[in-house]
Amino acid sequence: MTTTPASSTAPASPSRTSTRSVGRLGRILRRIAVVLVLIVVIIAGALLAIDNQTPVSLRFLHYVSRPWPVSWWLALAFGGGVVVGLAACLGSLARARWRIRRLQRTLDEP
């Protein structure tokens, strides 16, 4: 009679299988959450645009702008903030990518 080691006949670890399924489920739930947040933001933006149609002009020192609806000014401010935020992150992102490439080259050397 021959005996085989228990590790060779044991099925795959249940923790690995459950980790994979939790990973997939987590990604699906994260995508659903992102889509729901985007829908809420789009609806809120549409309501904001509909509700704020009164034209206003902005004054800065001696400059007076053309009158535009408040919703346009808010959208312009939001877009400007996004552009400034992305520009502020650009330096650290480029530095991180440079460091990753340098470390990758170090790993690839024989």
PDB file of N, CA and C in Angstrom:
ATOM      1  N   MET A   1       0.829  -1.176   0.000  1.00  0.00           N
ATOM      2  CA  MET A   1       0.000   0.000   0.000  1.00  0.00           C
ATOM      3  C   MET A   1       0.877   1.243   0.000  1.00  0.00           C
ATOM      4  N   THR A   2       0.600   2.159  -0.912  1.00  0.00           N
ATOM      5  CA  THR A   2       1.390   3.383  -1.021  1.00  0.00           C
ATOM      6  C   THR A   2       0.570   4.560  -0.510  1.00  0.00           C
ATOM      7  N   THR A   3       1.176   5.388   0.269  1.00  0.00           N
ATOM      8  CA  THR A   3       0.485   6.586   0.766  1.00  0.00           C
ATOM      9  C   THR A   3       1.056   7.813   0.069  1.00  0.00           C
ATOM     10  N   THR A   4       0.202   8.731  -0.190  1.00  0.00           N
ATOM     11  CA  THR A   4       0.645   9.984  -0.813  1.00  0.00           C
ATOM     12  C   THR A   4       0.587  11.093   0.221  1.00  0.00           C
ATOM     13  N   PRO A   5       1.434  12.060   0.116  1.00  0.00           N
ATOM     14  CA  PRO A   5       1.401  13.172   1.059  1.00  0.00           C
ATOM     15  C   PRO A   5       0.083  13.927   0.954  1.00  0.00           C
ATOM     16  N   ALA A   6      -0.394  14.411   2.074  1.00  0.00           N
ATOM     17  CA  ALA A   6      -1.682  15.101   2.125  1.00  0.00           C
ATOM     18  C   ALA A   6      -1.670  16.379   1.293  1.00  0.00           C
ATOM     19  N   SER A   7      -0.526  17.034   1.197  1.00  0.00           N
ATOM     20  CA  SER A   7      -0.468  18.298   0.464  1.00  0.00           C
ATOM     21  C   SER A   7      -0.666  18.106  -1.030  1.00  0.00           C
ATOM     22  N   SER A   8      -0.286  16.949  -1.575  1.00  0.00           N
ATOM     23  CA  SER A   8      -0.424  16.745  -3.003  1.00  0.00           C
ATOM     24  C   SER A   8      -1.864  16.438  -3.397  1.00  0.00           C
ATOM     25  N   THR A   9      -2.660  15.872  -2.493  1.00  0.00           N
ATOM     26  CA  THR A   9      -4.036  15.541  -2.829  1.00  0.00           C
ATOM     27  C   THR A   9      -5.020  16.595  -2.353  1.00  0.00           C
ATOM     28  N   ALA A  10      -4.554  17.561  -1.601  1.00  0.00           N
ATOM     29  CA  ALA A  10      -5.456  18.592  -1.072  1.00  0.00           C
ATOM     30  C   ALA A  10      -5.870  19.528  -2.200  1.00  0.00           C
ATOM     31  N   PRO A  11      -7.128  19.969  -2.190  1.00  0.00           N
ATOM     32  CA  PRO A  11      -7.580  20.913  -3.212  1.00  0.00           C
ATOM     33  C   PRO A  11      -6.898  22.269  -3.018  1.00  0.00           C
ATOM     34  N   ALA A  12      -7.060  23.125  -4.004  1.00  0.00           N
ATOM     35  CA  ALA A  12      -6.481  24.468  -3.926  1.00  0.00           C
ATOM     36  C   ALA A  12      -6.980  25.175  -2.677  1.00  0.00           C
ATOM     37  N   SER A  13      -6.155  26.003  -2.161  1.00  0.00           N
ATOM     38  CA  SER A  13      -6.470  26.716  -0.926  1.00  0.00           C
ATOM     39  C   SER A  13      -7.741  27.541  -1.100  1.00  0.00           C
ATOM     40  N   PRO A  14      -8.717  27.378  -0.194  1.00  0.00           N
ATOM     41  CA  PRO A  14      -9.956  28.141  -0.334  1.00  0.00           C
ATOM     42  C   PRO A  14      -9.723  29.641  -0.167  1.00  0.00           C
ATOM     43  N   SER A  15      -8.698  30.024   0.584  1.00  0.00           N
ATOM     44  CA  SER A  15      -8.456  31.452   0.768  1.00  0.00           C
ATOM     45  C   SER A  15      -8.019  32.101  -0.536  1.00  0.00           C
ATOM     46  N   ARG A  16      -7.247  31.413  -1.388  1.00  0.00           N
ATOM     47  CA  ARG A  16      -6.850  31.978  -2.668  1.00  0.00           C
ATOM     48  C   ARG A  16      -8.054  32.150  -3.580  1.00  0.00           C
ATOM     49  N   THR A  17      -8.915  31.147  -3.618  1.00  0.00           N
ATOM     50  CA  THR A  17     -10.092  31.222  -4.469  1.00  0.00           C
ATOM     51  C   THR A  17     -11.022  32.333  -4.003  1.00  0.00           C
ATOM     52  N   SER A  18     -11.250  32.432  -2.701  1.00  0.00           N
ATOM     53  CA  SER A  18     -12.143  33.467  -2.203  1.00  0.00           C
ATOM     54  C   SER A  18     -11.536  34.850  -2.376  1.00  0.00           C
ATOM     55  N   THR A  19     -10.210  34.959  -2.305  1.00  0.00           N
ATOM     56  CA  THR A  19      -9.561  36.248  -2.514  1.00  0.00           C
ATOM     57  C   THR A  19      -9.770  36.727  -3.937  1.00  0.00           C
ATOM     58  N   ARG A  20      -9.677  35.806  -4.899  1.00  0.00           N
ATOM     59  CA  ARG A  20      -9.899  36.188  -6.293  1.00  0.00           C
ATOM     60  C   ARG A  20     -11.329  36.654  -6.513  1.00  0.00           C
ATOM     61  N   SER A  21     -12.290  35.927  -5.956  1.00  0.00           N
ATOM     62  CA  SER A  21     -13.686  36.307  -6.162  1.00  0.00           C
ATOM     63  C   SER A  21     -14.000  37.614  -5.444  1.00  0.00           C
ATOM     64  N   VAL A  22     -13.401  37.836  -4.280  1.00  0.00           N
ATOM     65  CA  VAL A  22     -13.612  39.101  -3.580  1.00  0.00           C
ATOM     66  C   VAL A  22     -12.993  40.229  -4.378  1.00  0.00           C
ATOM     67  N   GLY A  23     -11.844  39.991  -5.011  1.00  0.00           N
ATOM     68  CA  GLY A  23     -11.208  41.001  -5.848  1.00  0.00           C
ATOM     69  C   GLY A  23     -12.089  41.398  -7.010  1.00  0.00           C
ATOM     70  N   ARG A  24     -12.663  40.412  -7.685  1.00  0.00           N
ATOM     71  CA  ARG A  24     -13.578  40.701  -8.797  1.00  0.00           C
ATOM     72  C   ARG A  24     -14.812  41.431  -8.311  1.00  0.00           C
ATOM     73  N   LEU A  25     -15.376  40.951  -7.212  1.00  0.00           N
ATOM     74  CA  LEU A  25     -16.566  41.588  -6.662  1.00  0.00           C
ATOM     75  C   LEU A  25     -16.258  43.020  -6.244  1.00  0.00           C
ATOM     76  N   GLY A  26     -15.098  43.226  -5.665  1.00  0.00           N
ATOM     77  CA  GLY A  26     -14.693  44.569  -5.258  1.00  0.00           C
ATOM     78  C   GLY A  26     -14.566  45.503  -6.447  1.00  0.00           C
ATOM     79  N   ARG A  27     -13.984  44.997  -7.538  1.00  0.00           N
ATOM     80  CA  ARG A  27     -13.858  45.827  -8.744  1.00  0.00           C
ATOM     81  C   ARG A  27     -15.220  46.160  -9.322  1.00  0.00           C
ATOM     82  N   ILE A  28     -16.109  45.179  -9.341  1.00  0.00           N
ATOM     83  CA  ILE A  28     -17.455  45.420  -9.877  1.00  0.00           C
ATOM     84  C   ILE A  28     -18.186  46.436  -9.018  1.00  0.00           C
ATOM     85  N   LEU A  29     -18.114  46.272  -7.700  1.00  0.00           N
ATOM     86  CA  LEU A  29     -18.779  47.222  -6.803  1.00  0.00           C
ATOM     87  C   LEU A  29     -18.176  48.616  -6.921  1.00  0.00           C
ATOM     88  N   ARG A  30     -16.862  48.691  -7.086  1.00  0.00           N
ATOM     89  CA  ARG A  30     -16.212  49.993  -7.240  1.00  0.00           C
ATOM     90  C   ARG A  30     -16.678  50.668  -8.526  1.00  0.00           C
ATOM     91  N   ARG A  31     -16.785  49.908  -9.613  1.00  0.00           N
ATOM     92  CA  ARG A  31     -17.268  50.491 -10.879  1.00  0.00           C
ATOM     93  C   ARG A  31     -18.705  50.968 -10.745  1.00  0.00           C
ATOM     94  N   ILE A  32     -19.538  50.185 -10.080  1.00  0.00           N
ATOM     95  CA  ILE A  32     -20.929  50.592  -9.875  1.00  0.00           C
ATOM     96  C   ILE A  32     -20.982  51.865  -9.048  1.00  0.00           C
ATOM     97  N   ALA A  33     -20.156  51.951  -8.007  1.00  0.00           N
ATOM     98  CA  ALA A  33     -20.129  53.151  -7.161  1.00  0.00           C
ATOM     99  C   ALA A  33     -19.678  54.364  -7.962  1.00  0.00           C
ATOM    100  N   VAL A  34     -18.673  54.204  -8.822  1.00  0.00           N
ATOM    101  CA  VAL A  34     -18.200  55.323  -9.639  1.00  0.00           C
ATOM    102  C   VAL A  34     -19.288  55.782 -10.597  1.00  0.00           C
ATOM    103  N   VAL A  35     -19.977  54.842 -11.219  1.00  0.00           N
ATOM    104  CA  VAL A  35     -21.053  55.198 -12.145  1.00  0.00           C
ATOM    105  C   VAL A  35     -22.176  55.934 -11.403  1.00  0.00           C
ATOM    106  N   LEU A  36     -22.542  55.451 -10.219  1.00  0.00           N
ATOM    107  CA  LEU A  36     -23.591  56.118  -9.443  1.00  0.00           C
ATOM    108  C   LEU A  36     -23.181  57.528  -9.040  1.00  0.00           C
ATOM    109  N   VAL A  37     -21.933  57.694  -8.624  1.00  0.00           N
ATOM    110  CA  VAL A  37     -21.455  59.034  -8.252  1.00  0.00           C
ATOM    111  C   VAL A  37     -21.471  59.952  -9.466  1.00  0.00           C
ATOM    112  N   LEU A  38     -21.039  59.452 -10.626  1.00  0.00           N
ATOM    113  CA  LEU A  38     -21.069  60.268 -11.838  1.00  0.00           C
ATOM    114  C   LEU A  38     -22.490  60.672 -12.212  1.00  0.00           C
ATOM    115  N   ILE A  39     -23.423  59.752 -12.076  1.00  0.00           N
ATOM    116  CA  ILE A  39     -24.821  60.075 -12.375  1.00  0.00           C
ATOM    117  C   ILE A  39     -25.328  61.166 -11.444  1.00  0.00           C
ATOM    118  N   VAL A  40     -25.022  61.060 -10.154  1.00  0.00           N
ATOM    119  CA  VAL A  40     -25.457  62.069  -9.185  1.00  0.00           C
ATOM    120  C   VAL A  40     -24.830  63.428  -9.508  1.00  0.00           C
ATOM    121  N   VAL A  41     -23.546  63.440  -9.861  1.00  0.00           N
ATOM    122  CA  VAL A  41     -22.867  64.703 -10.188  1.00  0.00           C
ATOM    123  C   VAL A  41     -23.464  65.322 -11.448  1.00  0.00           C
ATOM    124  N   ILE A  42     -23.752  64.518 -12.450  1.00  0.00           N
ATOM    125  CA  ILE A  42     -24.342  65.037 -13.689  1.00  0.00           C
ATOM    126  C   ILE A  42     -25.732  65.605 -13.420  1.00  0.00           C
ATOM    127  N   ILE A  43     -26.532  64.899 -12.640  1.00  0.00           N
ATOM    128  CA  ILE A  43     -27.875  65.397 -12.310  1.00  0.00           C
ATOM    129  C   ILE A  43     -27.791  66.695 -11.507  1.00  0.00           C
ATOM    130  N   ALA A  44     -26.868  66.729 -10.531  1.00  0.00           N
ATOM    131  CA  ALA A  44     -26.706  67.947  -9.729  1.00  0.00           C
ATOM    132  C   ALA A  44     -26.240  69.111 -10.602  1.00  0.00           C
ATOM    133  N   GLY A  45     -25.332  68.848 -11.526  1.00  0.00           N
ATOM    134  CA  GLY A  45     -24.869  69.898 -12.433  1.00  0.00           C
ATOM    135  C   GLY A  45     -25.975  70.394 -13.336  1.00  0.00           C
ATOM    136  N   ALA A  46     -26.815  69.486 -13.830  1.00  0.00           N
ATOM    137  CA  ALA A  46     -27.934  69.891 -14.680  1.00  0.00           C
ATOM    138  C   ALA A  46     -28.922  70.736 -13.900  1.00  0.00           C
ATOM    139  N   LEU A  47     -29.230  70.313 -12.668  1.00  0.00           N
ATOM    140  CA  LEU A  47     -30.143  71.106 -11.842  1.00  0.00           C
ATOM    141  C   LEU A  47     -29.552  72.478 -11.513  1.00  0.00           C
ATOM    142  N   LEU A  48     -28.264  72.515 -11.255  1.00  0.00           N
ATOM    143  CA  LEU A  48     -27.589  73.772 -10.970  1.00  0.00           C
ATOM    144  C   LEU A  48     -27.651  74.699 -12.184  1.00  0.00           C
ATOM    145  N   ALA A  49     -27.443  74.150 -13.370  1.00  0.00           N
ATOM    146  CA  ALA A  49     -27.478  74.955 -14.592  1.00  0.00           C
ATOM    147  C   ALA A  49     -28.887  75.465 -14.877  1.00  0.00           C
ATOM    148  N   ILE A  50     -29.885  74.632 -14.634  1.00  0.00           N
ATOM    149  CA  ILE A  50     -31.271  75.042 -14.882  1.00  0.00           C
ATOM    150  C   ILE A  50     -31.702  76.113 -13.896  1.00  0.00           C
ATOM    151  N   ASP A  51     -31.265  75.966 -12.653  1.00  0.00           N
ATOM    152  CA  ASP A  51     -31.724  76.865 -11.589  1.00  0.00           C
ATOM    153  C   ASP A  51     -30.985  78.201 -11.556  1.00  0.00           C
ATOM    154  N   ASN A  52     -29.820  78.302 -12.178  1.00  0.00           N
ATOM    155  CA  ASN A  52     -29.017  79.523 -12.106  1.00  0.00           C
ATOM    156  C   ASN A  52     -28.806  80.124 -13.492  1.00  0.00           C
ATOM    157  N   GLN A  53     -29.845  80.656 -14.067  1.00  0.00           N
ATOM    158  CA  GLN A  53     -29.769  81.248 -15.404  1.00  0.00           C
ATOM    159  C   GLN A  53     -29.646  82.769 -15.376  1.00  0.00           C
ATOM    160  N   THR A  54     -29.613  83.369 -14.199  1.00  0.00           N
ATOM    161  CA  THR A  54     -29.520  84.821 -14.096  1.00  0.00           C
ATOM    162  C   THR A  54     -28.139  85.284 -14.552  1.00  0.00           C
ATOM    163  N   PRO A  55     -28.076  86.183 -15.528  1.00  0.00           N
ATOM    164  CA  PRO A  55     -26.762  86.652 -15.978  1.00  0.00           C
ATOM    165  C   PRO A  55     -26.127  87.583 -14.939  1.00  0.00           C
ATOM    166  N   VAL A  56     -24.861  87.380 -14.689  1.00  0.00           N
ATOM    167  CA  VAL A  56     -24.101  88.244 -13.781  1.00  0.00           C
ATOM    168  C   VAL A  56     -22.770  88.575 -14.444  1.00  0.00           C
ATOM    169  N   SER A  57     -22.233  89.724 -14.076  1.00  0.00           N
ATOM    170  CA  SER A  57     -20.901  90.083 -14.550  1.00  0.00           C
ATOM    171  C   SER A  57     -19.979  90.150 -13.340  1.00  0.00           C
ATOM    172  N   LEU A  58     -18.760  89.715 -13.530  1.00  0.00           N
ATOM    173  CA  LEU A  58     -17.781  89.712 -12.457  1.00  0.00           C
ATOM    174  C   LEU A  58     -16.887  90.935 -12.582  1.00  0.00           C
ATOM    175  N   ARG A  59     -16.501  91.482 -11.443  1.00  0.00           N
ATOM    176  CA  ARG A  59     -15.612  92.639 -11.423  1.00  0.00           C
ATOM    177  C   ARG A  59     -14.337  92.272 -10.688  1.00  0.00           C
ATOM    178  N   PHE A  60     -13.202  92.619 -11.311  1.00  0.00           N
ATOM    179  CA  PHE A  60     -11.902  92.425 -10.686  1.00  0.00           C
ATOM    180  C   PHE A  60     -11.095  93.685 -10.959  1.00  0.00           C
ATOM    181  N   LEU A  61     -10.809  94.423  -9.901  1.00  0.00           N
ATOM    182  CA  LEU A  61     -10.157  95.735  -9.980  1.00  0.00           C
ATOM    183  C   LEU A  61     -10.965  96.622 -10.930  1.00  0.00           C
ATOM    184  N   HIS A  62     -10.412  96.972 -12.089  1.00  0.00           N
ATOM    185  CA  HIS A  62     -11.156  97.833 -13.020  1.00  0.00           C
ATOM    186  C   HIS A  62     -11.794  97.058 -14.161  1.00  0.00           C
ATOM    187  N   TYR A  63     -11.578  95.762 -14.204  1.00  0.00           N
ATOM    188  CA  TYR A  63     -12.115  94.936 -15.286  1.00  0.00           C
ATOM    189  C   TYR A  63     -13.510  94.445 -14.917  1.00  0.00           C
ATOM    190  N   VAL A  64     -14.438  94.618 -15.853  1.00  0.00           N
ATOM    191  CA  VAL A  64     -15.799  94.096 -15.689  1.00  0.00           C
ATOM    192  C   VAL A  64     -16.061  93.141 -16.854  1.00  0.00           C
ATOM    193  N   SER A  65     -16.443  91.912 -16.525  1.00  0.00           N
ATOM    194  CA  SER A  65     -16.661  90.901 -17.563  1.00  0.00           C
ATOM    195  C   SER A  65     -18.032  91.050 -18.201  1.00  0.00           C
ATOM    196  N   ARG A  66     -18.205  90.326 -19.296  1.00  0.00           N
ATOM    197  CA  ARG A  66     -19.531  90.271 -19.924  1.00  0.00           C
ATOM    198  C   ARG A  66     -20.464  89.501 -19.003  1.00  0.00           C
ATOM    199  N   PRO A  67     -21.744  89.829 -18.998  1.00  0.00           N
ATOM    200  CA  PRO A  67     -22.673  89.060 -18.152  1.00  0.00           C
ATOM    201  C   PRO A  67     -22.936  87.664 -18.732  1.00  0.00           C
ATOM    202  N   TRP A  68     -22.671  86.656 -17.927  1.00  0.00           N
ATOM    203  CA  TRP A  68     -22.945  85.264 -18.255  1.00  0.00           C
ATOM    204  C   TRP A  68     -23.804  84.671 -17.152  1.00  0.00           C
ATOM    205  N   PRO A  69     -24.537  83.592 -17.441  1.00  0.00           N
ATOM    206  CA  PRO A  69     -25.308  82.934 -16.381  1.00  0.00           C
ATOM    207  C   PRO A  69     -24.381  82.409 -15.275  1.00  0.00           C
ATOM    208  N   VAL A  70     -24.892  82.373 -14.062  1.00  0.00           N
ATOM    209  CA  VAL A  70     -24.114  81.921 -12.913  1.00  0.00           C
ATOM    210  C   VAL A  70     -23.604  80.491 -13.141  1.00  0.00           C
ATOM    211  N   SER A  71     -24.406  79.662 -13.769  1.00  0.00           N
ATOM    212  CA  SER A  71     -23.998  78.275 -13.997  1.00  0.00           C
ATOM    213  C   SER A  71     -22.746  78.205 -14.874  1.00  0.00           C
ATOM    214  N   TRP A  72     -22.604  79.105 -15.840  1.00  0.00           N
ATOM    215  CA  TRP A  72     -21.411  79.131 -16.682  1.00  0.00           C
ATOM    216  C   TRP A  72     -20.185  79.512 -15.859  1.00  0.00           C
ATOM    217  N   TRP A  73     -20.340  80.508 -14.990  1.00  0.00           N
ATOM    218  CA  TRP A  73     -19.220  80.920 -14.142  1.00  0.00           C
ATOM    219  C   TRP A  73     -18.804  79.782 -13.210  1.00  0.00           C
ATOM    220  N   LEU A  74     -19.787  79.065 -12.666  1.00  0.00           N
ATOM    221  CA  LEU A  74     -19.465  77.943 -11.785  1.00  0.00           C
ATOM    222  C   LEU A  74     -18.762  76.821 -12.542  1.00  0.00           C
ATOM    223  N   ALA A  75     -19.241  76.534 -13.743  1.00  0.00           N
ATOM    224  CA  ALA A  75     -18.595  75.494 -14.552  1.00  0.00           C
ATOM    225  C   ALA A  75     -17.175  75.908 -14.933  1.00  0.00           C
ATOM    226  N   LEU A  76     -16.981  77.181 -15.243  1.00  0.00           N
ATOM    227  CA  LEU A  76     -15.652  77.683 -15.580  1.00  0.00           C
ATOM    228  C   LEU A  76     -14.715  77.590 -14.375  1.00  0.00           C
ATOM    229  N   ALA A  77     -15.218  77.930 -13.195  1.00  0.00           N
ATOM    230  CA  ALA A  77     -14.398  77.831 -11.980  1.00  0.00           C
ATOM    231  C   ALA A  77     -14.050  76.372 -11.678  1.00  0.00           C
ATOM    232  N   PHE A  78     -14.994  75.480 -11.839  1.00  0.00           N
ATOM    233  CA  PHE A  78     -14.740  74.065 -11.599  1.00  0.00           C
ATOM    234  C   PHE A  78     -13.708  73.529 -12.582  1.00  0.00           C
ATOM    235  N   GLY A  79     -13.884  73.830 -13.856  1.00  0.00           N
ATOM    236  CA  GLY A  79     -12.934  73.384 -14.878  1.00  0.00           C
ATOM    237  C   GLY A  79     -11.545  73.952 -14.637  1.00  0.00           C
ATOM    238  N   GLY A  80     -11.476  75.223 -14.255  1.00  0.00           N
ATOM    239  CA  GLY A  80     -10.180  75.829 -13.942  1.00  0.00           C
ATOM    240  C   GLY A  80      -9.515  75.144 -12.762  1.00  0.00           C
ATOM    241  N   GLY A  81     -10.298  74.783 -11.751  1.00  0.00           N
ATOM    242  CA  GLY A  81      -9.754  74.073 -10.600  1.00  0.00           C
ATOM    243  C   GLY A  81      -9.223  72.706 -10.973  1.00  0.00           C
ATOM    244  N   VAL A  82      -9.915  72.025 -11.872  1.00  0.00           N
ATOM    245  CA  VAL A  82      -9.452  70.708 -12.331  1.00  0.00           C
ATOM    246  C   VAL A  82      -8.122  70.850 -13.059  1.00  0.00           C
ATOM    247  N   VAL A  83      -8.021  71.850 -13.931  1.00  0.00           N
ATOM    248  CA  VAL A  83      -6.788  72.060 -14.692  1.00  0.00           C
ATOM    249  C   VAL A  83      -5.629  72.413 -13.764  1.00  0.00           C
ATOM    250  N   VAL A  84      -5.871  73.308 -12.802  1.00  0.00           N
ATOM    251  CA  VAL A  84      -4.817  73.694 -11.856  1.00  0.00           C
ATOM    252  C   VAL A  84      -4.409  72.497 -10.995  1.00  0.00           C
ATOM    253  N   GLY A  85      -5.368  71.692 -10.554  1.00  0.00           N
ATOM    254  CA  GLY A  85      -5.059  70.509  -9.749  1.00  0.00           C
ATOM    255  C   GLY A  85      -4.237  69.489 -10.516  1.00  0.00           C
ATOM    256  N   LEU A  86      -4.595  69.252 -11.770  1.00  0.00           N
ATOM    257  CA  LEU A  86      -3.820  68.315 -12.592  1.00  0.00           C
ATOM    258  C   LEU A  86      -2.420  68.843 -12.848  1.00  0.00           C
ATOM    259  N   ALA A  87      -2.298  70.138 -13.091  1.00  0.00           N
ATOM    260  CA  ALA A  87      -0.971  70.732 -13.308  1.00  0.00           C
ATOM    261  C   ALA A  87      -0.119  70.625 -12.049  1.00  0.00           C
ATOM    262  N   ALA A  88      -0.737  70.777 -10.886  1.00  0.00           N
ATOM    263  CA  ALA A  88       0.001  70.676  -9.629  1.00  0.00           C
ATOM    264  C   ALA A  88       0.500  69.253  -9.395  1.00  0.00           C
ATOM    265  N   CYS A  89      -0.233  68.259  -9.839  1.00  0.00           N
ATOM    266  CA  CYS A  89       0.160  66.853  -9.650  1.00  0.00           C
ATOM    267  C   CYS A  89       1.144  66.380 -10.708  1.00  0.00           C
ATOM    268  N   LEU A  90       1.280  67.109 -11.788  1.00  0.00           N
ATOM    269  CA  LEU A  90       2.096  66.663 -12.911  1.00  0.00           C
ATOM    270  C   LEU A  90       3.553  66.451 -12.518  1.00  0.00           C
ATOM    271  N   GLY A  91       4.130  67.344 -11.715  1.00  0.00           N
ATOM    272  CA  GLY A  91       5.522  67.217 -11.313  1.00  0.00           C
ATOM    273  C   GLY A  91       5.783  65.965 -10.495  1.00  0.00           C
ATOM    274  N   SER A  92       4.951  65.715  -9.496  1.00  0.00           N
ATOM    275  CA  SER A  92       5.155  64.529  -8.662  1.00  0.00           C
ATOM    276  C   SER A  92       4.877  63.254  -9.450  1.00  0.00           C
ATOM    277  N   LEU A  93       3.940  63.283 -10.370  1.00  0.00           N
ATOM    278  CA  LEU A  93       3.663  62.108 -11.202  1.00  0.00           C
ATOM    279  C   LEU A  93       4.848  61.797 -12.107  1.00  0.00           C
ATOM    280  N   ALA A  94       5.427  62.824 -12.726  1.00  0.00           N
ATOM    281  CA  ALA A  94       6.587  62.615 -13.594  1.00  0.00           C
ATOM    282  C   ALA A  94       7.768  62.092 -12.775  1.00  0.00           C
ATOM    283  N   ARG A  95       7.975  62.622 -11.578  1.00  0.00           N
ATOM    284  CA  ARG A  95       9.069  62.176 -10.722  1.00  0.00           C
ATOM    285  C   ARG A  95       8.871  60.711 -10.318  1.00  0.00           C
ATOM    286  N   ALA A  96       7.633  60.327 -10.001  1.00  0.00           N
ATOM    287  CA  ALA A  96       7.353  58.939  -9.617  1.00  0.00           C
ATOM    288  C   ALA A  96       7.587  57.990 -10.792  1.00  0.00           C
ATOM    289  N   ARG A  97       7.174  58.373 -11.984  1.00  0.00           N
ATOM    290  CA  ARG A  97       7.389  57.513 -13.154  1.00  0.00           C
ATOM    291  C   ARG A  97       8.875  57.366 -13.456  1.00  0.00           C
ATOM    292  N   TRP A  98       9.632  58.467 -13.302  1.00  0.00           N
ATOM    293  CA  TRP A  98      11.065  58.411 -13.521  1.00  0.00           C
ATOM    294  C   TRP A  98      11.708  57.444 -12.535  1.00  0.00           C
ATOM    295  N   ARG A  99      11.289  57.506 -11.278  1.00  0.00           N
ATOM    296  CA  ARG A  99      11.849  56.626 -10.253  1.00  0.00           C
ATOM    297  C   ARG A  99      11.494  55.157 -10.533  1.00  0.00           C
ATOM    298  N   ILE A 100      10.271  54.898 -10.971  1.00  0.00           N
ATOM    299  CA  ILE A 100       9.851  53.530 -11.309  1.00  0.00           C
ATOM    300  C   ILE A 100      10.709  52.984 -12.449  1.00  0.00           C
ATOM    301  N   ARG A 101      10.933  53.796 -13.483  1.00  0.00           N
ATOM    302  CA  ARG A 101      11.765  53.345 -14.605  1.00  0.00           C
ATOM    303  C   ARG A 101      13.191  53.047 -14.151  1.00  0.00           C
ATOM    304  N   ARG A 102      13.731  53.912 -13.286  1.00  0.00           N
ATOM    305  CA  ARG A 102      15.087  53.715 -12.787  1.00  0.00           C
ATOM    306  C   ARG A 102      15.178  52.416 -11.983  1.00  0.00           C
ATOM    307  N   LEU A 103      14.201  52.174 -11.120  1.00  0.00           N
ATOM    308  CA  LEU A 103      14.191  50.950 -10.318  1.00  0.00           C
ATOM    309  C   LEU A 103      13.986  49.714 -11.195  1.00  0.00           C
ATOM    310  N   GLN A 104      13.168  49.830 -12.241  1.00  0.00           N
ATOM    311  CA  GLN A 104      12.944  48.720 -13.155  1.00  0.00           C
ATOM    312  C   GLN A 104      14.240  48.369 -13.890  1.00  0.00           C
ATOM    313  N   ARG A 105      14.997  49.398 -14.310  1.00  0.00           N
ATOM    314  CA  ARG A 105      16.273  49.146 -14.962  1.00  0.00           C
ATOM    315  C   ARG A 105      17.238  48.450 -14.012  1.00  0.00           C
ATOM    316  N   THR A 106      17.198  48.837 -12.743  1.00  0.00           N
ATOM    317  CA  THR A 106      18.072  48.213 -11.747  1.00  0.00           C
ATOM    318  C   THR A 106      17.716  46.733 -11.581  1.00  0.00           C
ATOM    319  N   LEU A 107      16.429  46.418 -11.608  1.00  0.00           N
ATOM    320  CA  LEU A 107      15.997  45.019 -11.477  1.00  0.00           C
ATOM    321  C   LEU A 107      16.357  44.209 -12.723  1.00  0.00           C
ATOM    322  N   ASP A 108      16.309  44.834 -13.893  1.00  0.00           N
ATOM    323  CA  ASP A 108      16.560  44.122 -15.142  1.00  0.00           C
ATOM    324  C   ASP A 108      18.043  43.849 -15.380  1.00  0.00           C
ATOM    325  N   GLU A 109      18.918  44.573 -14.689  1.00  0.00           N
ATOM    326  CA  GLU A 109      20.361  44.355 -14.890  1.00  0.00           C
ATOM    327  C   GLU A 109      20.749  42.965 -14.388  1.00  0.00           C
ATOM    328  N   PRO A 110      21.682  42.304 -15.122  1.00  0.00           N
ATOM    329  CA  PRO A 110      22.093  40.948 -14.701  1.00  0.00           C
ATOM    330  C   PRO A 110      23.000  40.972 -13.489  1.00  0.00           C
TER     331      PRO A 110
END
